[in-house]
Protein backbone atom coordinates (compact mmCIF):
# COMPACT_ATOMS: atom_id res chain seq x y z
CA UNK A 1 0.00 0.00 0.00
CA UNK A 2 2.76 2.40 0.93
CA UNK A 3 4.57 1.62 -2.32
CA UNK A 4 1.42 2.38 -4.30
CA UNK A 5 1.01 5.72 -2.47
CA UNK A 6 4.63 6.62 -3.15
CA UNK A 7 4.24 5.79 -6.84
CA UNK A 8 1.07 7.88 -7.04
CA UNK A 9 2.77 10.77 -5.24
CA UNK A 10 5.74 10.44 -7.61
CA UNK A 11 3.45 10.61 -10.66
CA UNK A 12 1.66 13.64 -9.29
CA UNK A 13 4.97 15.38 -8.60
CA UNK A 14 6.25 14.51 -12.09
CA UNK A 15 3.12 16.01 -13.65
CA UNK A 16 3.43 19.09 -11.46
CA UNK A 17 7.10 19.53 -12.42
CA UNK A 18 6.32 19.09 -16.12
CA UNK A 19 3.44 21.56 -15.88
CA UNK A 20 5.60 24.07 -14.07
CA UNK A 21 8.42 23.67 -16.59
CA UNK A 22 6.10 24.25 -19.51
CA UNK A 23 4.74 27.36 -17.79
CA UNK A 24 8.20 28.77 -17.09
CA UNK A 25 9.10 31.78 -19.21
CA UNK A 26 12.19 31.69 -21.39
CA UNK A 27 14.70 32.86 -18.79
CA UNK A 28 17.58 33.22 -21.25
CA UNK A 29 15.34 35.09 -23.67
CA UNK A 30 14.15 37.39 -20.90
CA UNK A 31 17.75 37.99 -19.83
CA UNK A 32 18.74 38.89 -23.40
CA UNK A 33 15.75 41.20 -23.70
CA UNK A 34 16.56 42.90 -20.39
CA UNK A 35 20.19 43.38 -21.47
CA UNK A 36 19.08 44.81 -24.83
CA UNK A 37 16.66 47.18 -23.14
CA UNK A 38 19.36 48.27 -20.68
CA UNK A 39 21.75 48.90 -23.56
CA UNK A 40 19.08 50.88 -25.44
CA UNK A 41 18.33 52.90 -22.31
CA UNK A 42 22.03 53.76 -22.01
CA UNK A 43 22.13 54.81 -25.67
CA UNK A 44 19.06 57.00 -25.19
CA UNK A 45 20.55 58.54 -22.05
CA UNK A 46 23.71 59.36 -24.01
CA UNK A 47 21.66 60.88 -26.84
CA UNK A 48 19.65 62.90 -24.33
CA UNK A 49 22.86 64.22 -22.77
CA UNK A 50 24.22 65.18 -26.18
CA UNK A 51 20.92 66.91 -27.03
CA UNK A 52 21.03 68.79 -23.72
CA UNK A 53 24.57 69.95 -24.48
CA UNK A 54 23.49 71.11 -27.94
CA UNK A 55 20.55 72.98 -26.41
CA UNK A 56 22.86 74.64 -23.86
CA UNK A 57 25.19 75.67 -26.67
CA UNK A 58 22.26 77.04 -28.69
CA UNK A 59 21.09 79.07 -25.70
CA UNK A 60 24.61 80.46 -25.29
CA UNK A 61 24.64 81.40 -28.97
CA UNK A 62 21.23 83.02 -28.55
CA UNK A 63 22.37 85.03 -25.53
CA UNK A 64 25.47 86.15 -27.43
CA UNK A 65 23.39 87.15 -30.46
CA UNK A 66 20.94 89.05 -28.27
CA UNK A 67 23.81 90.92 -26.62
CA UNK A 68 25.29 91.73 -30.03
CA UNK A 69 21.87 92.92 -31.26
CA UNK A 70 21.59 95.14 -28.19
CA UNK A 71 25.04 96.65 -28.87
CA UNK A 72 24.16 97.14 -32.54
CA UNK A 73 20.89 98.85 -31.66
CA UNK A 74 22.70 101.13 -29.24
CA UNK A 75 25.34 101.94 -31.86
CA UNK A 76 22.59 102.69 -34.41
CA UNK A 77 21.02 105.10 -31.94
CA UNK A 78 24.35 106.82 -31.40
CA UNK A 79 24.94 106.95 -35.16
CA UNK A 80 21.57 108.62 -35.72
CA UNK A 81 22.35 111.14 -33.00
CA UNK A 82 25.78 111.93 -34.48
CA UNK A 83 24.28 112.23 -37.97
CA UNK A 84 21.65 114.62 -36.63
CA UNK A 85 24.33 116.66 -34.85
CA UNK A 86 26.43 116.69 -38.03
CA UNK A 87 23.42 117.80 -40.07
CA UNK A 88 22.71 120.58 -37.58
CA UNK A 89 26.37 121.67 -37.55
CA UNK A 90 26.46 121.79 -41.36
CA UNK A 91 23.24 123.72 -41.38
CA UNK A 92 24.66 126.22 -38.93
CA UNK A 93 27.82 126.55 -41.00
CA UNK A 94 25.81 126.43 -44.23
CA UNK A 95 27.84 123.52 -45.55
CA UNK A 96 26.22 120.94 -47.78
PDB file of N, CA and C in Angstrom:
ATOM      1  N   UNK A   1       0.818  -1.187   0.000  1.00  0.00           N
ATOM      2  CA  UNK A   1       0.000   0.000   0.000  1.00  0.00           C
ATOM      3  C   UNK A   1       0.868   1.259   0.000  1.00  0.00           C
ATOM      4  N   UNK A   2       1.884   1.244   0.847  1.00  0.00           N
ATOM      5  CA  UNK A   2       2.760   2.404   0.926  1.00  0.00           C
ATOM      6  C   UNK A   2       3.493   2.612  -0.396  1.00  0.00           C
ATOM      7  N   UNK A   3       3.887   1.529  -1.033  1.00  0.00           N
ATOM      8  CA  UNK A   3       4.569   1.622  -2.324  1.00  0.00           C
ATOM      9  C   UNK A   3       3.651   2.239  -3.367  1.00  0.00           C
ATOM     10  N   UNK A   4       2.384   1.827  -3.362  1.00  0.00           N
ATOM     11  CA  UNK A   4       1.416   2.384  -4.301  1.00  0.00           C
ATOM     12  C   UNK A   4       1.231   3.891  -4.055  1.00  0.00           C
ATOM     13  N   UNK A   5       1.153   4.299  -2.812  1.00  0.00           N
ATOM     14  CA  UNK A   5       1.011   5.718  -2.473  1.00  0.00           C
ATOM     15  C   UNK A   5       2.232   6.523  -2.934  1.00  0.00           C
ATOM     16  N   UNK A   6       3.403   5.937  -2.726  1.00  0.00           N
ATOM     17  CA  UNK A   6       4.629   6.623  -3.146  1.00  0.00           C
ATOM     18  C   UNK A   6       4.685   6.766  -4.665  1.00  0.00           C
ATOM     19  N   UNK A   7       4.263   5.724  -5.380  1.00  0.00           N
ATOM     20  CA  UNK A   7       4.240   5.795  -6.841  1.00  0.00           C
ATOM     21  C   UNK A   7       3.246   6.858  -7.307  1.00  0.00           C
ATOM     22  N   UNK A   8       2.093   6.884  -6.686  1.00  0.00           N
ATOM     23  CA  UNK A   8       1.068   7.879  -7.037  1.00  0.00           C
ATOM     24  C   UNK A   8       1.584   9.302  -6.761  1.00  0.00           C
ATOM     25  N   UNK A   9       2.213   9.455  -5.598  1.00  0.00           N
ATOM     26  CA  UNK A   9       2.765  10.769  -5.242  1.00  0.00           C
ATOM     27  C   UNK A   9       3.853  11.172  -6.240  1.00  0.00           C
ATOM     28  N   UNK A  10       4.682  10.182  -6.632  1.00  0.00           N
ATOM     29  CA  UNK A  10       5.735  10.443  -7.613  1.00  0.00           C
ATOM     30  C   UNK A  10       5.144  10.893  -8.933  1.00  0.00           C
ATOM     31  N   UNK A  11       4.099  10.241  -9.398  1.00  0.00           N
ATOM     32  CA  UNK A  11       3.450  10.607 -10.658  1.00  0.00           C
ATOM     33  C   UNK A  11       2.842  12.007 -10.581  1.00  0.00           C
ATOM     34  N   UNK A  12       2.231  12.308  -9.459  1.00  0.00           N
ATOM     35  CA  UNK A  12       1.663  13.644  -9.288  1.00  0.00           C
ATOM     36  C   UNK A  12       2.762  14.712  -9.320  1.00  0.00           C
ATOM     37  N   UNK A  13       3.854  14.426  -8.635  1.00  0.00           N
ATOM     38  CA  UNK A  13       4.967  15.378  -8.605  1.00  0.00           C
ATOM     39  C   UNK A  13       5.601  15.536  -9.986  1.00  0.00           C
ATOM     40  N   UNK A  14       5.714  14.442 -10.727  1.00  0.00           N
ATOM     41  CA  UNK A  14       6.246  14.513 -12.092  1.00  0.00           C
ATOM     42  C   UNK A  14       5.367  15.412 -12.953  1.00  0.00           C
ATOM     43  N   UNK A  15       4.055  15.199 -12.866  1.00  0.00           N
ATOM     44  CA  UNK A  15       3.121  16.012 -13.645  1.00  0.00           C
ATOM     45  C   UNK A  15       3.201  17.482 -13.233  1.00  0.00           C
ATOM     46  N   UNK A  16       3.325  17.707 -11.947  1.00  0.00           N
ATOM     47  CA  UNK A  16       3.434  19.086 -11.457  1.00  0.00           C
ATOM     48  C   UNK A  16       4.712  19.746 -11.973  1.00  0.00           C
ATOM     49  N   UNK A  17       5.822  19.001 -11.928  1.00  0.00           N
ATOM     50  CA  UNK A  17       7.100  19.528 -12.416  1.00  0.00           C
ATOM     51  C   UNK A  17       7.014  19.814 -13.907  1.00  0.00           C
ATOM     52  N   UNK A  18       6.453  18.885 -14.681  1.00  0.00           N
ATOM     53  CA  UNK A  18       6.319  19.093 -16.122  1.00  0.00           C
ATOM     54  C   UNK A  18       5.425  20.290 -16.424  1.00  0.00           C
ATOM     55  N   UNK A  19       4.338  20.418 -15.694  1.00  0.00           N
ATOM     56  CA  UNK A  19       3.440  21.556 -15.877  1.00  0.00           C
ATOM     57  C   UNK A  19       4.131  22.873 -15.542  1.00  0.00           C
ATOM     58  N   UNK A  20       4.874  22.859 -14.460  1.00  0.00           N
ATOM     59  CA  UNK A  20       5.603  24.072 -14.070  1.00  0.00           C
ATOM     60  C   UNK A  20       6.684  24.431 -15.086  1.00  0.00           C
ATOM     61  N   UNK A  21       7.375  23.412 -15.589  1.00  0.00           N
ATOM     62  CA  UNK A  21       8.422  23.674 -16.591  1.00  0.00           C
ATOM     63  C   UNK A  21       7.834  24.265 -17.864  1.00  0.00           C
ATOM     64  N   UNK A  22       6.704  23.737 -18.277  1.00  0.00           N
ATOM     65  CA  UNK A  22       6.101  24.248 -19.513  1.00  0.00           C
ATOM     66  C   UNK A  22       5.561  25.662 -19.311  1.00  0.00           C
ATOM     67  N   UNK A  23       5.252  26.011 -18.074  1.00  0.00           N
ATOM     68  CA  UNK A  23       4.737  27.356 -17.790  1.00  0.00           C
ATOM     69  C   UNK A  23       5.858  28.365 -17.534  1.00  0.00           C
ATOM     70  N   UNK A  24       7.078  27.861 -17.352  1.00  0.00           N
ATOM     71  CA  UNK A  24       8.202  28.770 -17.089  1.00  0.00           C
ATOM     72  C   UNK A  24       8.477  29.644 -18.305  1.00  0.00           C
ATOM     73  N   UNK A  25       8.716  30.922 -18.081  1.00  0.00           N
ATOM     74  CA  UNK A  25       9.097  31.783 -19.210  1.00  0.00           C
ATOM     75  C   UNK A  25      10.517  31.444 -19.659  1.00  0.00           C
ATOM     76  N   UNK A  26      10.858  31.901 -20.845  1.00  0.00           N
ATOM     77  CA  UNK A  26      12.195  31.686 -21.394  1.00  0.00           C
ATOM     78  C   UNK A  26      13.174  32.597 -20.651  1.00  0.00           C
ATOM     79  N   UNK A  27      13.826  32.049 -19.649  1.00  0.00           N
ATOM     80  CA  UNK A  27      14.701  32.856 -18.792  1.00  0.00           C
ATOM     81  C   UNK A  27      15.848  33.459 -19.589  1.00  0.00           C
ATOM     82  N   UNK A  28      16.476  32.682 -20.452  1.00  0.00           N
ATOM     83  CA  UNK A  28      17.580  33.222 -21.254  1.00  0.00           C
ATOM     84  C   UNK A  28      17.086  34.307 -22.203  1.00  0.00           C
ATOM     85  N   UNK A  29      15.920  34.081 -22.782  1.00  0.00           N
ATOM     86  CA  UNK A  29      15.341  35.093 -23.669  1.00  0.00           C
ATOM     87  C   UNK A  29      15.014  36.369 -22.916  1.00  0.00           C
ATOM     88  N   UNK A  30      14.460  36.220 -21.727  1.00  0.00           N
ATOM     89  CA  UNK A  30      14.150  37.391 -20.904  1.00  0.00           C
ATOM     90  C   UNK A  30      15.422  38.131 -20.493  1.00  0.00           C
ATOM     91  N   UNK A  31      16.469  37.368 -20.204  1.00  0.00           N
ATOM     92  CA  UNK A  31      17.746  37.986 -19.831  1.00  0.00           C
ATOM     93  C   UNK A  31      18.299  38.787 -21.005  1.00  0.00           C
ATOM     94  N   UNK A  32      18.266  38.187 -22.203  1.00  0.00           N
ATOM     95  CA  UNK A  32      18.744  38.894 -23.396  1.00  0.00           C
ATOM     96  C   UNK A  32      17.933  40.164 -23.634  1.00  0.00           C
ATOM     97  N   UNK A  33      16.618  40.037 -23.488  1.00  0.00           N
ATOM     98  CA  UNK A  33      15.750  41.199 -23.700  1.00  0.00           C
ATOM     99  C   UNK A  33      16.052  42.294 -22.681  1.00  0.00           C
ATOM    100  N   UNK A  34      16.246  41.922 -21.431  1.00  0.00           N
ATOM    101  CA  UNK A  34      16.564  42.903 -20.386  1.00  0.00           C
ATOM    102  C   UNK A  34      17.896  43.584 -20.684  1.00  0.00           C
ATOM    103  N   UNK A  35      18.879  42.808 -21.137  1.00  0.00           N
ATOM    104  CA  UNK A  35      20.187  43.385 -21.472  1.00  0.00           C
ATOM    105  C   UNK A  35      20.077  44.333 -22.661  1.00  0.00           C
ATOM    106  N   UNK A  36      19.285  43.942 -23.666  1.00  0.00           N
ATOM    107  CA  UNK A  36      19.085  44.812 -24.829  1.00  0.00           C
ATOM    108  C   UNK A  36      18.390  46.108 -24.429  1.00  0.00           C
ATOM    109  N   UNK A  37      17.387  45.986 -23.577  1.00  0.00           N
ATOM    110  CA  UNK A  37      16.661  47.178 -23.138  1.00  0.00           C
ATOM    111  C   UNK A  37      17.568  48.084 -22.309  1.00  0.00           C
ATOM    112  N   UNK A  38      18.416  47.485 -21.479  1.00  0.00           N
ATOM    113  CA  UNK A  38      19.362  48.269 -20.684  1.00  0.00           C
ATOM    114  C   UNK A  38      20.339  48.997 -21.600  1.00  0.00           C
ATOM    115  N   UNK A  39      20.826  48.296 -22.606  1.00  0.00           N
ATOM    116  CA  UNK A  39      21.750  48.904 -23.564  1.00  0.00           C
ATOM    117  C   UNK A  39      21.077  50.049 -24.309  1.00  0.00           C
ATOM    118  N   UNK A  40      19.836  49.826 -24.727  1.00  0.00           N
ATOM    119  CA  UNK A  40      19.084  50.878 -25.438  1.00  0.00           C
ATOM    120  C   UNK A  40      18.846  52.081 -24.527  1.00  0.00           C
ATOM    121  N   UNK A  41      18.544  51.816 -23.272  1.00  0.00           N
ATOM    122  CA  UNK A  41      18.332  52.903 -22.312  1.00  0.00           C
ATOM    123  C   UNK A  41      19.614  53.718 -22.143  1.00  0.00           C
ATOM    124  N   UNK A  42      20.752  53.053 -22.118  1.00  0.00           N
ATOM    125  CA  UNK A  42      22.031  53.764 -22.006  1.00  0.00           C
ATOM    126  C   UNK A  42      22.286  54.605 -23.253  1.00  0.00           C
ATOM    127  N   UNK A  43      21.972  54.049 -24.427  1.00  0.00           N
ATOM    128  CA  UNK A  43      22.131  54.813 -25.672  1.00  0.00           C
ATOM    129  C   UNK A  43      21.241  56.056 -25.658  1.00  0.00           C
ATOM    130  N   UNK A  44      19.996  55.874 -25.240  1.00  0.00           N
ATOM    131  CA  UNK A  44      19.061  57.001 -25.191  1.00  0.00           C
ATOM    132  C   UNK A  44      19.507  58.049 -24.180  1.00  0.00           C
ATOM    133  N   UNK A  45      20.045  57.596 -23.057  1.00  0.00           N
ATOM    134  CA  UNK A  45      20.548  58.540 -22.054  1.00  0.00           C
ATOM    135  C   UNK A  45      21.711  59.340 -22.629  1.00  0.00           C
ATOM    136  N   UNK A  46      22.585  58.673 -23.378  1.00  0.00           N
ATOM    137  CA  UNK A  46      23.712  59.361 -24.010  1.00  0.00           C
ATOM    138  C   UNK A  46      23.209  60.371 -25.040  1.00  0.00           C
ATOM    139  N   UNK A  47      22.225  59.961 -25.846  1.00  0.00           N
ATOM    140  CA  UNK A  47      21.659  60.875 -26.842  1.00  0.00           C
ATOM    141  C   UNK A  47      20.988  62.068 -26.166  1.00  0.00           C
ATOM    142  N   UNK A  48      20.308  61.804 -25.060  1.00  0.00           N
ATOM    143  CA  UNK A  48      19.649  62.896 -24.328  1.00  0.00           C
ATOM    144  C   UNK A  48      20.687  63.871 -23.784  1.00  0.00           C
ATOM    145  N   UNK A  49      21.794  63.356 -23.278  1.00  0.00           N
ATOM    146  CA  UNK A  49      22.859  64.223 -22.766  1.00  0.00           C
ATOM    147  C   UNK A  49      23.455  65.061 -23.888  1.00  0.00           C
ATOM    148  N   UNK A  50      23.681  64.436 -25.035  1.00  0.00           N
ATOM    149  CA  UNK A  50      24.216  65.181 -26.178  1.00  0.00           C
ATOM    150  C   UNK A  50      23.230  66.257 -26.626  1.00  0.00           C
ATOM    151  N   UNK A  51      21.947  65.928 -26.645  1.00  0.00           N
ATOM    152  CA  UNK A  51      20.923  66.908 -27.033  1.00  0.00           C
ATOM    153  C   UNK A  51      20.880  68.059 -26.033  1.00  0.00           C
ATOM    154  N   UNK A  52      21.017  67.748 -24.744  1.00  0.00           N
ATOM    155  CA  UNK A  52      21.033  68.790 -23.721  1.00  0.00           C
ATOM    156  C   UNK A  52      22.226  69.712 -23.921  1.00  0.00           C
ATOM    157  N   UNK A  53      23.378  69.136 -24.236  1.00  0.00           N
ATOM    158  CA  UNK A  53      24.571  69.949 -24.477  1.00  0.00           C
ATOM    159  C   UNK A  53      24.383  70.843 -25.701  1.00  0.00           C
ATOM    160  N   UNK A  54      23.761  70.302 -26.747  1.00  0.00           N
ATOM    161  CA  UNK A  54      23.490  71.114 -27.943  1.00  0.00           C
ATOM    162  C   UNK A  54      22.523  72.251 -27.611  1.00  0.00           C
ATOM    163  N   UNK A  55      21.522  71.943 -26.809  1.00  0.00           N
ATOM    164  CA  UNK A  55      20.555  72.976 -26.410  1.00  0.00           C
ATOM    165  C   UNK A  55      21.244  74.059 -25.583  1.00  0.00           C
ATOM    166  N   UNK A  56      22.111  73.655 -24.665  1.00  0.00           N
ATOM    167  CA  UNK A  56      22.857  74.635 -23.864  1.00  0.00           C
ATOM    168  C   UNK A  56      23.701  75.525 -24.761  1.00  0.00           C
ATOM    169  N   UNK A  57      24.357  74.917 -25.732  1.00  0.00           N
ATOM    170  CA  UNK A  57      25.186  75.675 -26.670  1.00  0.00           C
ATOM    171  C   UNK A  57      24.333  76.644 -27.481  1.00  0.00           C
ATOM    172  N   UNK A  58      23.160  76.178 -27.915  1.00  0.00           N
ATOM    173  CA  UNK A  58      22.261  77.037 -28.691  1.00  0.00           C
ATOM    174  C   UNK A  58      21.789  78.218 -27.848  1.00  0.00           C
ATOM    175  N   UNK A  59      21.499  77.973 -26.574  1.00  0.00           N
ATOM    176  CA  UNK A  59      21.091  79.074 -25.698  1.00  0.00           C
ATOM    177  C   UNK A  59      22.237  80.065 -25.489  1.00  0.00           C
ATOM    178  N   UNK A  60      23.459  79.562 -25.409  1.00  0.00           N
ATOM    179  CA  UNK A  60      24.611  80.460 -25.287  1.00  0.00           C
ATOM    180  C   UNK A  60      24.758  81.300 -26.550  1.00  0.00           C
ATOM    181  N   UNK A  61      24.585  80.664 -27.702  1.00  0.00           N
ATOM    182  CA  UNK A  61      24.645  81.400 -28.971  1.00  0.00           C
ATOM    183  C   UNK A  61      23.541  82.452 -29.030  1.00  0.00           C
ATOM    184  N   UNK A  62      22.350  82.085 -28.570  1.00  0.00           N
ATOM    185  CA  UNK A  62      21.228  83.019 -28.549  1.00  0.00           C
ATOM    186  C   UNK A  62      21.533  84.211 -27.647  1.00  0.00           C
ATOM    187  N   UNK A  63      22.049  83.949 -26.463  1.00  0.00           N
ATOM    188  CA  UNK A  63      22.373  85.034 -25.532  1.00  0.00           C
ATOM    189  C   UNK A  63      23.430  85.951 -26.132  1.00  0.00           C
ATOM    190  N   UNK A  64      24.418  85.367 -26.787  1.00  0.00           N
ATOM    191  CA  UNK A  64      25.471  86.155 -27.431  1.00  0.00           C
ATOM    192  C   UNK A  64      24.889  87.009 -28.557  1.00  0.00           C
ATOM    193  N   UNK A  65      24.011  86.415 -29.360  1.00  0.00           N
ATOM    194  CA  UNK A  65      23.391  87.149 -30.464  1.00  0.00           C
ATOM    195  C   UNK A  65      22.504  88.275 -29.935  1.00  0.00           C
ATOM    196  N   UNK A  66      21.785  88.013 -28.856  1.00  0.00           N
ATOM    197  CA  UNK A  66      20.940  89.054 -28.268  1.00  0.00           C
ATOM    198  C   UNK A  66      21.792  90.206 -27.741  1.00  0.00           C
ATOM    199  N   UNK A  67      22.908  89.879 -27.121  1.00  0.00           N
ATOM    200  CA  UNK A  67      23.815  90.918 -26.620  1.00  0.00           C
ATOM    201  C   UNK A  67      24.382  91.730 -27.781  1.00  0.00           C
ATOM    202  N   UNK A  68      24.756  91.036 -28.847  1.00  0.00           N
ATOM    203  CA  UNK A  68      25.285  91.732 -30.027  1.00  0.00           C
ATOM    204  C   UNK A  68      24.208  92.617 -30.652  1.00  0.00           C
ATOM    205  N   UNK A  69      22.972  92.130 -30.709  1.00  0.00           N
ATOM    206  CA  UNK A  69      21.868  92.922 -31.258  1.00  0.00           C
ATOM    207  C   UNK A  69      21.635  94.169 -30.408  1.00  0.00           C
ATOM    208  N   UNK A  70      21.745  94.008 -29.106  1.00  0.00           N
ATOM    209  CA  UNK A  70      21.586  95.138 -28.193  1.00  0.00           C
ATOM    210  C   UNK A  70      22.672  96.191 -28.447  1.00  0.00           C
ATOM    211  N   UNK A  71      23.923  95.731 -28.594  1.00  0.00           N
ATOM    212  CA  UNK A  71      25.036  96.651 -28.870  1.00  0.00           C
ATOM    213  C   UNK A  71      24.839  97.346 -30.216  1.00  0.00           C
ATOM    214  N   UNK A  72      24.390  96.576 -31.207  1.00  0.00           N
ATOM    215  CA  UNK A  72      24.161  97.140 -32.540  1.00  0.00           C
ATOM    216  C   UNK A  72      23.062  98.191 -32.494  1.00  0.00           C
ATOM    217  N   UNK A  73      21.998  97.897 -31.788  1.00  0.00           N
ATOM    218  CA  UNK A  73      20.894  98.847 -31.656  1.00  0.00           C
ATOM    219  C   UNK A  73      21.365 100.122 -30.966  1.00  0.00           C
ATOM    220  N   UNK A  74      22.164  99.965 -29.953  1.00  0.00           N
ATOM    221  CA  UNK A  74      22.705 101.126 -29.238  1.00  0.00           C
ATOM    222  C   UNK A  74      23.606 101.942 -30.156  1.00  0.00           C
ATOM    223  N   UNK A  75      24.443 101.254 -30.928  1.00  0.00           N
ATOM    224  CA  UNK A  75      25.340 101.940 -31.864  1.00  0.00           C
ATOM    225  C   UNK A  75      24.536 102.659 -32.948  1.00  0.00           C
ATOM    226  N   UNK A  76      23.451 102.042 -33.406  1.00  0.00           N
ATOM    227  CA  UNK A  76      22.594 102.689 -34.406  1.00  0.00           C
ATOM    228  C   UNK A  76      21.988 103.974 -33.844  1.00  0.00           C
ATOM    229  N   UNK A  77      21.565 103.910 -32.591  1.00  0.00           N
ATOM    230  CA  UNK A  77      21.016 105.097 -31.943  1.00  0.00           C
ATOM    231  C   UNK A  77      22.050 106.205 -31.850  1.00  0.00           C
ATOM    232  N   UNK A  78      23.269 105.834 -31.471  1.00  0.00           N
ATOM    233  CA  UNK A  78      24.352 106.823 -31.395  1.00  0.00           C
ATOM    234  C   UNK A  78      24.661 107.390 -32.773  1.00  0.00           C
ATOM    235  N   UNK A  79      24.667 106.515 -33.792  1.00  0.00           N
ATOM    236  CA  UNK A  79      24.940 106.955 -35.157  1.00  0.00           C
ATOM    237  C   UNK A  79      23.893 107.968 -35.605  1.00  0.00           C
ATOM    238  N   UNK A  80      22.633 107.675 -35.338  1.00  0.00           N
ATOM    239  CA  UNK A  80      21.571 108.616 -35.715  1.00  0.00           C
ATOM    240  C   UNK A  80      21.750 109.957 -35.004  1.00  0.00           C
ATOM    241  N   UNK A  81      22.139 109.901 -33.754  1.00  0.00           N
ATOM    242  CA  UNK A  81      22.347 111.137 -33.000  1.00  0.00           C
ATOM    243  C   UNK A  81      23.510 111.934 -33.581  1.00  0.00           C
ATOM    244  N   UNK A  82      24.609 111.254 -33.897  1.00  0.00           N
ATOM    245  CA  UNK A  82      25.777 111.932 -34.479  1.00  0.00           C
ATOM    246  C   UNK A  82      25.423 112.501 -35.848  1.00  0.00           C
ATOM    247  N   UNK A  83      24.680 111.734 -36.651  1.00  0.00           N
ATOM    248  CA  UNK A  83      24.282 112.232 -37.971  1.00  0.00           C
ATOM    249  C   UNK A  83      23.405 113.477 -37.836  1.00  0.00           C
ATOM    250  N   UNK A  84      22.504 113.455 -36.857  1.00  0.00           N
ATOM    251  CA  UNK A  84      21.650 114.618 -36.625  1.00  0.00           C
ATOM    252  C   UNK A  84      22.496 115.819 -36.191  1.00  0.00           C
ATOM    253  N   UNK A  85      23.452 115.572 -35.293  1.00  0.00           N
ATOM    254  CA  UNK A  85      24.327 116.663 -34.851  1.00  0.00           C
ATOM    255  C   UNK A  85      25.159 117.193 -36.017  1.00  0.00           C
ATOM    256  N   UNK A  86      25.646 116.299 -36.863  1.00  0.00           N
ATOM    257  CA  UNK A  86      26.426 116.694 -38.035  1.00  0.00           C
ATOM    258  C   UNK A  86      25.566 117.521 -38.981  1.00  0.00           C
ATOM    259  N   UNK A  87      24.356 117.081 -39.190  1.00  0.00           N
ATOM    260  CA  UNK A  87      23.423 117.801 -40.065  1.00  0.00           C
ATOM    261  C   UNK A  87      23.165 119.205 -39.511  1.00  0.00           C
ATOM    262  N   UNK A  88      22.955 119.280 -38.207  1.00  0.00           N
ATOM    263  CA  UNK A  88      22.711 120.579 -37.582  1.00  0.00           C
ATOM    264  C   UNK A  88      23.948 121.477 -37.677  1.00  0.00           C
ATOM    265  N   UNK A  89      25.128 120.888 -37.473  1.00  0.00           N
ATOM    266  CA  UNK A  89      26.372 121.668 -37.555  1.00  0.00           C
ATOM    267  C   UNK A  89      26.583 122.177 -38.968  1.00  0.00           C
ATOM    268  N   UNK A  90      26.321 121.357 -39.965  1.00  0.00           N
ATOM    269  CA  UNK A  90      26.462 121.785 -41.358  1.00  0.00           C
ATOM    270  C   UNK A  90      25.464 122.898 -41.674  1.00  0.00           C
ATOM    271  N   UNK A  91      24.263 122.712 -41.137  1.00  0.00           N
ATOM    272  CA  UNK A  91      23.235 123.715 -41.382  1.00  0.00           C
ATOM    273  C   UNK A  91      23.644 125.057 -40.772  1.00  0.00           C
ATOM    274  N   UNK A  92      24.211 124.991 -39.583  1.00  0.00           N
ATOM    275  CA  UNK A  92      24.655 126.224 -38.932  1.00  0.00           C
ATOM    276  C   UNK A  92      25.796 126.876 -39.705  1.00  0.00           C
ATOM    277  N   UNK A  93      26.672 126.025 -40.241  1.00  0.00           N
ATOM    278  CA  UNK A  93      27.816 126.553 -40.995  1.00  0.00           C
ATOM    279  C   UNK A  93      27.484 126.744 -42.469  1.00  0.00           C
ATOM    280  N   UNK A  94      26.280 126.349 -42.839  1.00  0.00           N
ATOM    281  CA  UNK A  94      25.812 126.431 -44.226  1.00  0.00           C
ATOM    282  C   UNK A  94      26.717 125.633 -45.175  1.00  0.00           C
ATOM    283  N   UNK A  95      27.036 124.432 -44.735  1.00  0.00           N
ATOM    284  CA  UNK A  95      27.842 123.522 -45.550  1.00  0.00           C
ATOM    285  C   UNK A  95      26.931 122.385 -45.998  1.00  0.00           C
ATOM    286  N   UNK A  96      27.026 122.060 -47.283  1.00  0.00           N
ATOM    287  CA  UNK A  96      26.215 120.942 -47.782  1.00  0.00           C
ATOM    288  C   UNK A  96      27.082 119.797 -48.148  1.00  0.00           C
TER     289      UNK A  96
END
